[in-house]
Amino acid sequence: MLYEWDLTSDRITWGSNTEQILGFSADEMPQDGDAFRMLVHPDDFDRVDVPNYRNEQPCCREYQLRREDGTYLWVADRYQRIGSDRVIGFLMDIADR
């Protein structure tokens, strides 16, 4: 599930396969960082802090996201900062690992 996050405007744009993975259409997905964190399991909040996404090196974090049906899914979030204010990332379902 691809995403692009503009850190300056705090705007997140999602790819088209969000419904397959989380049950939300791309239009229903959170459009900013605060709304996105509302999907993150409370035990994992520290893993999705904005300062973590400002890292210049490619990175991967694992955490749980709430699906539309209320269950949680483990994902690997692989991302890279592009320029000074954009992050390009990919969320992958790792529940079967």
N, C-alpha and C. Protein backbone atom coordinates (compact mmCIF):
# COMPACT_ATOMS: atom_id res chain seq x y z
N MET A 1 0.86 -1.16 0.00
CA MET A 1 0.00 0.00 0.00
C MET A 1 0.91 1.23 0.00
N LEU A 2 0.97 1.93 -1.10
CA LEU A 2 1.83 3.10 -1.25
C LEU A 2 1.22 4.34 -0.61
N TYR A 3 2.10 5.21 -0.12
CA TYR A 3 1.65 6.51 0.38
C TYR A 3 2.73 7.55 0.16
N GLU A 4 2.30 8.79 0.12
CA GLU A 4 3.21 9.94 0.07
C GLU A 4 2.74 10.91 1.15
N TRP A 5 3.68 11.36 1.97
CA TRP A 5 3.36 12.24 3.09
C TRP A 5 4.16 13.52 2.94
N ASP A 6 3.47 14.62 2.75
CA ASP A 6 4.10 15.94 2.72
C ASP A 6 4.20 16.41 4.17
N LEU A 7 5.40 16.43 4.71
CA LEU A 7 5.59 16.76 6.12
C LEU A 7 5.33 18.23 6.42
N THR A 8 5.47 19.10 5.43
CA THR A 8 5.22 20.53 5.65
C THR A 8 3.73 20.80 5.80
N SER A 9 2.93 20.27 4.88
CA SER A 9 1.48 20.49 4.95
C SER A 9 0.76 19.42 5.78
N ASP A 10 1.50 18.35 6.14
CA ASP A 10 0.95 17.21 6.88
C ASP A 10 -0.16 16.52 6.09
N ARG A 11 -0.01 16.45 4.79
CA ARG A 11 -1.00 15.84 3.89
C ARG A 11 -0.49 14.48 3.44
N ILE A 12 -1.33 13.45 3.59
CA ILE A 12 -0.99 12.10 3.15
C ILE A 12 -1.85 11.72 1.96
N THR A 13 -1.21 11.22 0.90
CA THR A 13 -1.90 10.72 -0.28
C THR A 13 -1.67 9.22 -0.34
N TRP A 14 -2.75 8.47 -0.57
CA TRP A 14 -2.69 7.00 -0.54
C TRP A 14 -2.83 6.41 -1.92
N GLY A 15 -2.22 5.24 -2.12
CA GLY A 15 -2.38 4.47 -3.34
C GLY A 15 -3.77 3.85 -3.39
N SER A 16 -4.02 3.04 -4.38
CA SER A 16 -5.38 2.55 -4.65
C SER A 16 -5.76 1.25 -3.95
N ASN A 17 -4.83 0.56 -3.29
CA ASN A 17 -5.18 -0.76 -2.74
C ASN A 17 -5.43 -0.74 -1.23
N THR A 18 -5.80 0.39 -0.68
CA THR A 18 -6.05 0.49 0.77
C THR A 18 -7.22 -0.37 1.21
N GLU A 19 -8.22 -0.50 0.35
CA GLU A 19 -9.41 -1.27 0.71
C GLU A 19 -9.09 -2.75 0.87
N GLN A 20 -8.22 -3.28 0.04
CA GLN A 20 -7.82 -4.69 0.13
C GLN A 20 -7.14 -4.98 1.46
N ILE A 21 -6.32 -4.06 1.94
CA ILE A 21 -5.51 -4.32 3.12
C ILE A 21 -6.20 -3.91 4.41
N LEU A 22 -6.77 -2.71 4.45
CA LEU A 22 -7.35 -2.20 5.69
C LEU A 22 -8.87 -2.09 5.67
N GLY A 23 -9.47 -2.23 4.49
CA GLY A 23 -10.93 -2.13 4.41
C GLY A 23 -11.45 -0.73 4.19
N PHE A 24 -10.57 0.26 4.16
CA PHE A 24 -10.95 1.65 3.90
C PHE A 24 -10.63 1.97 2.44
N SER A 25 -11.51 2.70 1.77
CA SER A 25 -11.17 3.19 0.43
C SER A 25 -10.09 4.26 0.59
N ALA A 26 -9.41 4.60 -0.49
CA ALA A 26 -8.38 5.65 -0.43
C ALA A 26 -8.98 6.96 0.07
N ASP A 27 -10.23 7.24 -0.29
CA ASP A 27 -10.89 8.47 0.17
C ASP A 27 -11.20 8.45 1.66
N GLU A 28 -11.38 7.25 2.22
CA GLU A 28 -11.69 7.11 3.65
C GLU A 28 -10.43 7.07 4.52
N MET A 29 -9.28 6.90 3.90
CA MET A 29 -8.03 6.82 4.66
C MET A 29 -7.69 8.18 5.26
N PRO A 30 -6.98 8.20 6.38
CA PRO A 30 -6.58 9.46 7.00
C PRO A 30 -5.79 10.33 6.03
N GLN A 31 -6.07 11.61 6.06
CA GLN A 31 -5.42 12.54 5.14
C GLN A 31 -4.31 13.36 5.80
N ASP A 32 -4.10 13.16 7.11
CA ASP A 32 -3.01 13.87 7.80
C ASP A 32 -2.43 12.96 8.88
N GLY A 33 -1.29 13.37 9.42
CA GLY A 33 -0.57 12.55 10.38
C GLY A 33 -1.36 12.24 11.64
N ASP A 34 -2.07 13.24 12.18
CA ASP A 34 -2.84 13.01 13.41
C ASP A 34 -3.95 11.98 13.18
N ALA A 35 -4.64 12.09 12.06
CA ALA A 35 -5.70 11.14 11.74
C ALA A 35 -5.12 9.75 11.51
N PHE A 36 -3.95 9.67 10.86
CA PHE A 36 -3.31 8.38 10.65
C PHE A 36 -2.96 7.72 11.98
N ARG A 37 -2.42 8.50 12.91
CA ARG A 37 -2.05 7.94 14.21
C ARG A 37 -3.26 7.38 14.96
N MET A 38 -4.46 7.84 14.62
CA MET A 38 -5.67 7.29 15.24
C MET A 38 -5.88 5.82 14.84
N LEU A 39 -5.27 5.39 13.73
CA LEU A 39 -5.37 3.99 13.30
C LEU A 39 -4.30 3.11 13.94
N VAL A 40 -3.27 3.73 14.50
CA VAL A 40 -2.15 2.99 15.07
C VAL A 40 -2.53 2.45 16.45
N HIS A 41 -2.17 1.20 16.71
CA HIS A 41 -2.42 0.61 18.02
C HIS A 41 -1.71 1.45 19.09
N PRO A 42 -2.38 1.72 20.22
CA PRO A 42 -1.78 2.57 21.26
C PRO A 42 -0.39 2.12 21.72
N ASP A 43 -0.12 0.83 21.71
CA ASP A 43 1.20 0.33 22.11
C ASP A 43 2.29 0.74 21.13
N ASP A 44 1.91 1.16 19.94
CA ASP A 44 2.88 1.43 18.88
C ASP A 44 3.01 2.91 18.51
N PHE A 45 2.35 3.81 19.26
CA PHE A 45 2.39 5.24 18.92
C PHE A 45 3.81 5.77 18.73
N ASP A 46 4.74 5.37 19.59
CA ASP A 46 6.10 5.90 19.50
C ASP A 46 6.80 5.52 18.21
N ARG A 47 6.34 4.49 17.55
CA ARG A 47 6.98 4.04 16.30
C ARG A 47 6.60 4.89 15.09
N VAL A 48 5.56 5.68 15.22
CA VAL A 48 5.11 6.50 14.08
C VAL A 48 5.21 7.99 14.38
N ASP A 49 6.11 8.37 15.27
CA ASP A 49 6.36 9.79 15.55
C ASP A 49 6.91 10.49 14.32
N VAL A 50 6.46 11.71 14.06
CA VAL A 50 6.93 12.47 12.90
C VAL A 50 8.45 12.59 12.87
N PRO A 51 9.14 12.85 13.98
CA PRO A 51 10.60 12.94 13.90
C PRO A 51 11.24 11.69 13.31
N ASN A 52 10.65 10.52 13.52
CA ASN A 52 11.18 9.29 12.92
C ASN A 52 11.15 9.36 11.40
N TYR A 53 10.16 10.04 10.84
CA TYR A 53 10.02 10.11 9.39
C TYR A 53 10.91 11.18 8.77
N ARG A 54 11.53 12.00 9.57
CA ARG A 54 12.45 13.02 9.05
C ARG A 54 13.86 12.47 8.84
N ASN A 55 14.08 11.22 9.22
CA ASN A 55 15.37 10.57 9.03
C ASN A 55 15.71 10.53 7.54
N GLU A 56 16.94 10.84 7.20
CA GLU A 56 17.34 10.89 5.79
C GLU A 56 17.57 9.51 5.19
N GLN A 57 17.84 8.53 6.00
CA GLN A 57 18.13 7.19 5.51
C GLN A 57 16.84 6.40 5.30
N PRO A 58 16.83 5.48 4.33
CA PRO A 58 15.67 4.60 4.20
C PRO A 58 15.47 3.85 5.51
N CYS A 59 14.23 3.59 5.85
CA CYS A 59 13.95 3.00 7.15
C CYS A 59 12.77 2.04 7.05
N CYS A 60 12.67 1.16 8.03
CA CYS A 60 11.52 0.26 8.13
C CYS A 60 11.10 0.17 9.59
N ARG A 61 9.82 0.30 9.81
CA ARG A 61 9.25 0.16 11.15
C ARG A 61 8.09 -0.82 11.07
N GLU A 62 7.87 -1.55 12.14
CA GLU A 62 6.74 -2.48 12.21
C GLU A 62 5.81 -2.02 13.32
N TYR A 63 4.52 -2.02 13.01
CA TYR A 63 3.52 -1.63 13.99
C TYR A 63 2.16 -2.16 13.57
N GLN A 64 1.17 -1.98 14.43
CA GLN A 64 -0.18 -2.47 14.17
C GLN A 64 -1.09 -1.32 13.75
N LEU A 65 -1.90 -1.57 12.71
CA LEU A 65 -2.89 -0.60 12.25
C LEU A 65 -4.29 -1.19 12.40
N ARG A 66 -5.23 -0.33 12.77
CA ARG A 66 -6.62 -0.75 12.91
C ARG A 66 -7.28 -0.81 11.54
N ARG A 67 -7.91 -1.93 11.27
CA ARG A 67 -8.69 -2.09 10.05
C ARG A 67 -10.07 -1.48 10.23
N GLU A 68 -10.79 -1.38 9.13
CA GLU A 68 -12.14 -0.82 9.15
C GLU A 68 -13.06 -1.62 10.07
N ASP A 69 -12.83 -2.93 10.19
CA ASP A 69 -13.68 -3.78 11.05
C ASP A 69 -13.27 -3.76 12.52
N GLY A 70 -12.25 -2.96 12.87
CA GLY A 70 -11.82 -2.82 14.26
C GLY A 70 -10.70 -3.75 14.69
N THR A 71 -10.36 -4.74 13.86
CA THR A 71 -9.23 -5.62 14.18
C THR A 71 -7.93 -4.92 13.82
N TYR A 72 -6.82 -5.44 14.33
CA TYR A 72 -5.52 -4.85 14.04
C TYR A 72 -4.70 -5.75 13.15
N LEU A 73 -3.89 -5.13 12.30
CA LEU A 73 -3.04 -5.82 11.34
C LEU A 73 -1.61 -5.35 11.55
N TRP A 74 -0.67 -6.31 11.63
CA TRP A 74 0.74 -5.95 11.69
C TRP A 74 1.21 -5.55 10.29
N VAL A 75 1.88 -4.41 10.19
CA VAL A 75 2.43 -3.94 8.92
C VAL A 75 3.91 -3.61 9.09
N ALA A 76 4.63 -3.73 7.99
CA ALA A 76 5.99 -3.19 7.89
C ALA A 76 5.87 -1.93 7.06
N ASP A 77 6.38 -0.84 7.59
CA ASP A 77 6.33 0.46 6.93
C ASP A 77 7.74 0.78 6.44
N ARG A 78 7.95 0.64 5.14
CA ARG A 78 9.26 0.94 4.54
C ARG A 78 9.14 2.30 3.87
N TYR A 79 10.01 3.21 4.25
CA TYR A 79 9.88 4.57 3.74
C TYR A 79 11.23 5.24 3.56
N GLN A 80 11.21 6.32 2.79
CA GLN A 80 12.40 7.12 2.51
C GLN A 80 11.99 8.57 2.42
N ARG A 81 12.73 9.42 3.07
CA ARG A 81 12.47 10.85 2.91
C ARG A 81 13.02 11.28 1.57
N ILE A 82 12.25 12.09 0.86
CA ILE A 82 12.63 12.62 -0.44
C ILE A 82 12.70 14.14 -0.29
N GLY A 83 13.86 14.72 -0.51
CA GLY A 83 14.00 16.15 -0.30
C GLY A 83 13.87 16.47 1.18
N SER A 84 13.47 17.68 1.48
CA SER A 84 13.41 18.10 2.88
C SER A 84 12.06 17.88 3.53
N ASP A 85 11.02 17.64 2.73
CA ASP A 85 9.69 17.63 3.35
C ASP A 85 8.72 16.57 2.84
N ARG A 86 9.21 15.57 2.10
CA ARG A 86 8.32 14.52 1.59
C ARG A 86 8.82 13.15 1.99
N VAL A 87 7.89 12.26 2.26
CA VAL A 87 8.20 10.87 2.56
C VAL A 87 7.41 10.01 1.59
N ILE A 88 8.08 9.05 0.97
CA ILE A 88 7.43 8.06 0.13
C ILE A 88 7.55 6.74 0.88
N GLY A 89 6.42 6.03 1.03
CA GLY A 89 6.47 4.80 1.79
C GLY A 89 5.57 3.72 1.24
N PHE A 90 5.76 2.54 1.79
CA PHE A 90 5.00 1.36 1.39
C PHE A 90 4.66 0.57 2.65
N LEU A 91 3.38 0.34 2.90
CA LEU A 91 2.93 -0.48 4.03
C LEU A 91 2.64 -1.89 3.52
N MET A 92 3.24 -2.88 4.17
CA MET A 92 3.09 -4.26 3.74
C MET A 92 2.52 -5.10 4.90
N ASP A 93 1.53 -5.90 4.62
CA ASP A 93 0.93 -6.81 5.59
C ASP A 93 1.97 -7.87 5.96
N ILE A 94 2.32 -7.95 7.25
CA ILE A 94 3.28 -8.95 7.70
C ILE A 94 2.64 -9.91 8.71
N ALA A 95 1.33 -9.99 8.72
CA ALA A 95 0.63 -10.82 9.70
C ALA A 95 0.99 -12.30 9.57
N ASP A 96 1.34 -12.76 8.39
CA ASP A 96 1.63 -14.18 8.16
C ASP A 96 3.06 -14.57 8.47
N ARG A 97 3.85 -13.63 8.91
CA ARG A 97 5.26 -13.95 9.20
C ARG A 97 5.40 -14.82 10.41
